[in-house]
N, C-alpha and C. Protein backbone atom coordinates (compact mmCIF):
# COMPACT_ATOMS: atom_id res chain seq x y z
N UNK A 1 -148.68 -79.00 48.43
CA UNK A 1 -147.34 -78.91 48.93
C UNK A 1 -147.03 -79.28 50.42
N UNK A 2 -148.17 -79.26 51.15
CA UNK A 2 -147.91 -79.96 52.50
C UNK A 2 -147.86 -81.48 52.38
N UNK A 3 -148.46 -82.24 51.42
CA UNK A 3 -148.30 -83.53 51.20
C UNK A 3 -146.76 -83.97 50.89
N UNK A 4 -146.14 -83.25 49.79
CA UNK A 4 -144.82 -83.61 49.28
C UNK A 4 -143.64 -83.01 50.07
N UNK A 5 -143.91 -81.83 50.45
CA UNK A 5 -142.88 -81.06 51.30
C UNK A 5 -141.49 -81.08 50.42
N UNK A 6 -141.32 -80.91 49.21
CA UNK A 6 -140.40 -81.07 48.62
C UNK A 6 -140.00 -79.39 48.39
N UNK A 7 -138.80 -79.05 48.75
CA UNK A 7 -138.40 -77.59 48.52
C UNK A 7 -138.32 -77.09 47.28
N UNK A 8 -138.02 -78.10 46.20
CA UNK A 8 -138.20 -77.44 44.82
C UNK A 8 -139.47 -77.62 44.19
N UNK A 9 -140.32 -78.06 44.88
CA UNK A 9 -141.98 -78.13 44.19
C UNK A 9 -142.26 -76.85 43.95
N UNK A 10 -142.77 -76.76 42.58
CA UNK A 10 -143.47 -75.40 42.22
C UNK A 10 -144.73 -75.99 41.46
N UNK A 11 -146.05 -75.46 41.93
CA UNK A 11 -147.25 -75.60 41.24
C UNK A 11 -147.74 -74.33 40.63
N UNK A 12 -148.24 -74.76 39.25
CA UNK A 12 -148.81 -73.78 38.52
C UNK A 12 -150.11 -74.17 38.37
N UNK A 13 -151.25 -73.43 38.99
CA UNK A 13 -152.47 -73.91 39.22
C UNK A 13 -153.25 -72.98 37.97
N UNK A 14 -153.90 -73.53 37.22
CA UNK A 14 -154.82 -72.85 36.00
C UNK A 14 -156.13 -73.10 36.27
N UNK A 15 -157.09 -72.17 36.17
CA UNK A 15 -158.46 -72.46 35.81
C UNK A 15 -158.64 -73.18 34.49
N UNK A 16 -159.41 -74.18 34.43
CA UNK A 16 -159.53 -74.86 33.03
C UNK A 16 -160.67 -74.13 32.11
N UNK A 17 -161.64 -73.35 32.91
CA UNK A 17 -162.74 -72.87 32.02
C UNK A 17 -163.23 -71.65 32.90
N UNK A 18 -164.12 -70.77 32.29
CA UNK A 18 -164.45 -69.76 33.14
C UNK A 18 -165.70 -70.21 34.11
N UNK A 19 -166.13 -69.54 34.93
CA UNK A 19 -167.29 -70.20 35.95
C UNK A 19 -168.50 -70.07 35.30
N UNK A 20 -169.34 -71.17 35.53
CA UNK A 20 -170.74 -71.18 35.05
C UNK A 20 -171.23 -69.94 35.24
N UNK A 21 -172.24 -69.57 34.42
CA UNK A 21 -173.13 -68.30 34.70
C UNK A 21 -173.75 -68.26 36.09
N UNK A 22 -174.34 -69.40 36.42
CA UNK A 22 -174.84 -69.44 37.72
C UNK A 22 -173.93 -69.00 38.81
N UNK A 23 -172.84 -69.02 38.55
CA UNK A 23 -171.73 -68.83 39.60
C UNK A 23 -171.20 -67.23 39.38
N UNK A 24 -170.91 -66.92 38.15
CA UNK A 24 -170.32 -65.67 37.76
C UNK A 24 -171.34 -64.53 37.43
N UNK A 25 -172.52 -64.97 37.23
CA UNK A 25 -173.59 -64.04 36.66
C UNK A 25 -173.34 -63.83 35.14
N UNK A 26 -174.42 -63.17 34.40
CA UNK A 26 -174.26 -63.13 33.14
C UNK A 26 -173.26 -62.09 32.61
N UNK A 27 -172.77 -62.27 31.52
CA UNK A 27 -171.93 -61.04 31.08
C UNK A 27 -170.55 -61.21 31.66
N UNK A 28 -170.28 -62.33 32.49
CA UNK A 28 -168.82 -62.27 33.16
C UNK A 28 -167.84 -62.60 31.94
N UNK A 29 -166.56 -62.19 32.24
CA UNK A 29 -165.67 -62.39 31.26
C UNK A 29 -165.20 -64.05 31.29
N UNK A 30 -164.27 -64.53 30.48
CA UNK A 30 -163.92 -65.72 30.35
C UNK A 30 -162.44 -66.02 30.69
N UNK A 31 -162.09 -64.85 31.45
CA UNK A 31 -160.71 -64.91 32.03
C UNK A 31 -160.76 -66.11 33.17
N UNK A 32 -159.70 -66.62 33.57
CA UNK A 32 -159.61 -67.68 34.56
C UNK A 32 -158.31 -67.39 35.30
N UNK A 33 -158.31 -67.83 36.62
CA UNK A 33 -157.02 -67.42 37.36
C UNK A 33 -155.77 -68.23 37.24
N UNK A 34 -154.73 -67.71 37.46
CA UNK A 34 -153.64 -68.51 37.26
C UNK A 34 -152.77 -68.21 38.55
N UNK A 35 -152.31 -69.20 39.30
CA UNK A 35 -151.59 -69.16 40.42
C UNK A 35 -150.35 -69.90 40.51
N UNK A 36 -149.42 -69.26 40.97
CA UNK A 36 -147.93 -70.11 41.02
C UNK A 36 -147.67 -70.15 42.54
N UNK A 37 -147.30 -71.23 43.09
CA UNK A 37 -146.95 -71.54 44.53
C UNK A 37 -145.64 -72.26 44.46
N UNK A 38 -144.77 -71.77 45.19
CA UNK A 38 -143.53 -72.26 45.51
C UNK A 38 -142.82 -72.06 46.80
N UNK A 39 -142.11 -72.95 47.43
CA UNK A 39 -141.38 -72.88 48.60
C UNK A 39 -140.13 -71.86 48.52
N UNK A 40 -139.59 -71.91 47.52
CA UNK A 40 -138.26 -71.11 47.18
C UNK A 40 -138.69 -69.65 46.56
N UNK A 41 -138.48 -68.55 47.32
CA UNK A 41 -138.67 -67.32 47.00
C UNK A 41 -137.99 -66.86 45.73
N UNK A 42 -136.95 -67.53 45.36
CA UNK A 42 -136.27 -67.12 44.23
C UNK A 42 -137.15 -67.38 42.78
N UNK A 43 -138.14 -68.43 43.12
CA UNK A 43 -139.13 -68.95 42.01
C UNK A 43 -139.98 -67.62 41.66
N UNK A 44 -140.65 -67.22 42.65
CA UNK A 44 -141.50 -66.10 42.61
C UNK A 44 -140.73 -64.77 42.21
N UNK A 45 -139.58 -64.57 42.57
CA UNK A 45 -138.78 -63.44 42.20
C UNK A 45 -138.64 -63.29 40.60
N UNK A 46 -138.67 -64.48 40.12
CA UNK A 46 -138.57 -64.45 38.58
C UNK A 46 -139.66 -63.78 37.80
N UNK A 47 -140.77 -63.85 38.56
CA UNK A 47 -141.97 -63.19 37.92
C UNK A 47 -142.34 -62.01 38.61
N UNK A 48 -141.63 -61.54 39.61
CA UNK A 48 -142.13 -60.23 40.23
C UNK A 48 -142.35 -59.19 39.35
N UNK A 49 -141.77 -59.06 38.45
CA UNK A 49 -142.13 -57.94 37.55
C UNK A 49 -143.41 -57.98 36.70
N UNK A 50 -144.25 -59.22 36.92
CA UNK A 50 -145.53 -59.36 36.30
C UNK A 50 -146.59 -58.53 37.07
N UNK A 51 -146.44 -58.12 38.10
CA UNK A 51 -147.42 -57.27 38.95
C UNK A 51 -148.44 -58.12 39.44
N UNK A 52 -148.29 -59.43 39.69
CA UNK A 52 -149.21 -60.44 40.43
C UNK A 52 -149.26 -59.92 41.89
N UNK A 53 -150.25 -60.46 42.45
CA UNK A 53 -150.38 -60.17 43.97
C UNK A 53 -150.43 -61.45 44.70
N UNK A 54 -150.20 -61.48 46.06
CA UNK A 54 -150.24 -62.55 46.94
C UNK A 54 -151.56 -63.15 46.88
N UNK A 55 -151.73 -64.43 47.30
CA UNK A 55 -152.94 -65.31 47.39
C UNK A 55 -153.56 -65.95 46.27
N UNK A 56 -154.60 -66.53 46.43
CA UNK A 56 -155.19 -67.44 45.35
C UNK A 56 -156.40 -66.61 44.76
N UNK A 57 -156.89 -65.71 45.47
CA UNK A 57 -158.02 -64.80 44.74
C UNK A 57 -157.56 -63.59 44.19
N UNK A 58 -157.53 -63.56 42.87
CA UNK A 58 -157.12 -62.43 42.38
C UNK A 58 -158.15 -61.12 42.63
N UNK A 59 -157.54 -59.93 42.85
CA UNK A 59 -158.66 -58.76 42.67
C UNK A 59 -159.17 -58.37 41.41
N UNK A 60 -160.14 -57.64 41.41
CA UNK A 60 -160.61 -57.11 40.23
C UNK A 60 -159.75 -56.27 39.20
N UNK A 61 -158.61 -55.85 40.00
CA UNK A 61 -157.74 -55.03 39.18
C UNK A 61 -156.51 -55.73 38.66
N UNK A 62 -156.52 -57.16 39.04
CA UNK A 62 -155.54 -57.99 38.72
C UNK A 62 -155.22 -58.04 37.39
N UNK A 63 -153.87 -57.96 36.77
CA UNK A 63 -153.54 -58.13 35.52
C UNK A 63 -154.16 -59.32 34.75
N UNK A 64 -154.63 -59.14 33.42
CA UNK A 64 -155.13 -60.23 32.46
C UNK A 64 -154.40 -60.51 31.41
N UNK A 65 -153.80 -61.69 31.01
CA UNK A 65 -152.92 -62.08 30.27
C UNK A 65 -153.49 -63.47 29.38
N UNK A 66 -153.49 -63.40 28.00
CA UNK A 66 -153.95 -64.58 27.46
C UNK A 66 -153.00 -65.76 27.53
N UNK A 67 -153.66 -66.88 27.35
CA UNK A 67 -152.87 -68.23 27.93
C UNK A 67 -151.73 -68.41 27.16
N UNK A 68 -151.67 -68.02 25.72
CA UNK A 68 -150.30 -68.10 24.85
C UNK A 68 -149.52 -67.22 25.24
N UNK A 69 -149.77 -66.06 25.69
CA UNK A 69 -148.78 -64.97 26.05
C UNK A 69 -148.17 -65.62 27.66
N UNK A 70 -149.19 -66.06 28.59
CA UNK A 70 -148.69 -66.52 29.46
C UNK A 70 -147.66 -67.70 29.57
N UNK A 71 -147.97 -68.48 28.70
CA UNK A 71 -147.06 -69.70 28.35
C UNK A 71 -145.73 -69.18 27.98
N UNK A 72 -145.63 -68.22 27.05
CA UNK A 72 -144.35 -67.66 26.36
C UNK A 72 -143.57 -67.00 27.55
N UNK A 73 -144.24 -66.27 28.45
CA UNK A 73 -143.78 -65.38 29.64
C UNK A 73 -143.05 -66.28 30.52
N UNK A 74 -143.81 -67.39 30.79
CA UNK A 74 -143.43 -68.51 31.94
C UNK A 74 -142.14 -69.02 31.39
N UNK A 75 -142.12 -69.61 30.10
CA UNK A 75 -140.98 -70.01 29.67
C UNK A 75 -139.73 -69.30 29.63
N UNK A 76 -139.91 -68.16 29.19
CA UNK A 76 -138.81 -67.13 29.39
C UNK A 76 -138.30 -66.83 30.59
N UNK A 77 -139.42 -66.84 31.65
CA UNK A 77 -138.98 -66.41 33.06
C UNK A 77 -138.09 -67.45 33.70
N UNK A 78 -138.30 -68.77 33.25
CA UNK A 78 -137.62 -69.94 33.75
C UNK A 78 -136.80 -70.61 33.01
N UNK A 79 -136.37 -70.00 31.85
CA UNK A 79 -135.22 -70.58 31.01
C UNK A 79 -133.91 -70.32 31.72
N UNK A 80 -133.10 -70.85 31.35
CA UNK A 80 -131.62 -70.67 31.66
C UNK A 80 -131.11 -69.43 31.58
N UNK A 81 -131.74 -68.89 30.65
CA UNK A 81 -131.38 -67.33 30.53
C UNK A 81 -131.55 -66.46 31.25
N UNK A 82 -132.86 -66.76 32.07
CA UNK A 82 -133.35 -65.87 32.82
C UNK A 82 -132.64 -65.24 34.12
N UNK A 83 -132.63 -64.11 34.38
CA UNK A 83 -131.86 -63.64 35.75
C UNK A 83 -132.45 -64.35 36.87
N UNK A 84 -131.39 -64.54 38.11
CA UNK A 84 -132.09 -65.00 39.14
C UNK A 84 -131.66 -64.00 40.10
N UNK A 85 -132.73 -63.70 40.98
CA UNK A 85 -132.64 -62.72 41.97
C UNK A 85 -131.86 -63.34 43.10
N UNK A 86 -130.90 -62.46 43.65
CA UNK A 86 -130.34 -62.87 44.89
C UNK A 86 -131.25 -62.48 46.30
N UNK A 87 -131.95 -63.46 46.68
CA UNK A 87 -132.83 -63.58 47.83
C UNK A 87 -131.98 -64.01 48.93
N UNK A 88 -131.92 -63.56 50.11
CA UNK A 88 -131.29 -64.06 51.39
C UNK A 88 -132.12 -65.22 51.76
């Protein structure tokens, strides 16, 4: 975001696989973090109802969503039919 400084830039950062056992320990879940970064607060307002937290490191109580469900939810949130929050 610092390199391009485009006010319309939105980054969706997805973990591509679970951490290696040497990092996560045995018995860790296969969940991977998803982060959305944007300059425009209206972008994040569209997913506010998801219950996500600020920052790049999700807490142990962060919501978990399957990738196919995330995809569908993301497309719905950012389709033309999605409501746009009025943020000053």
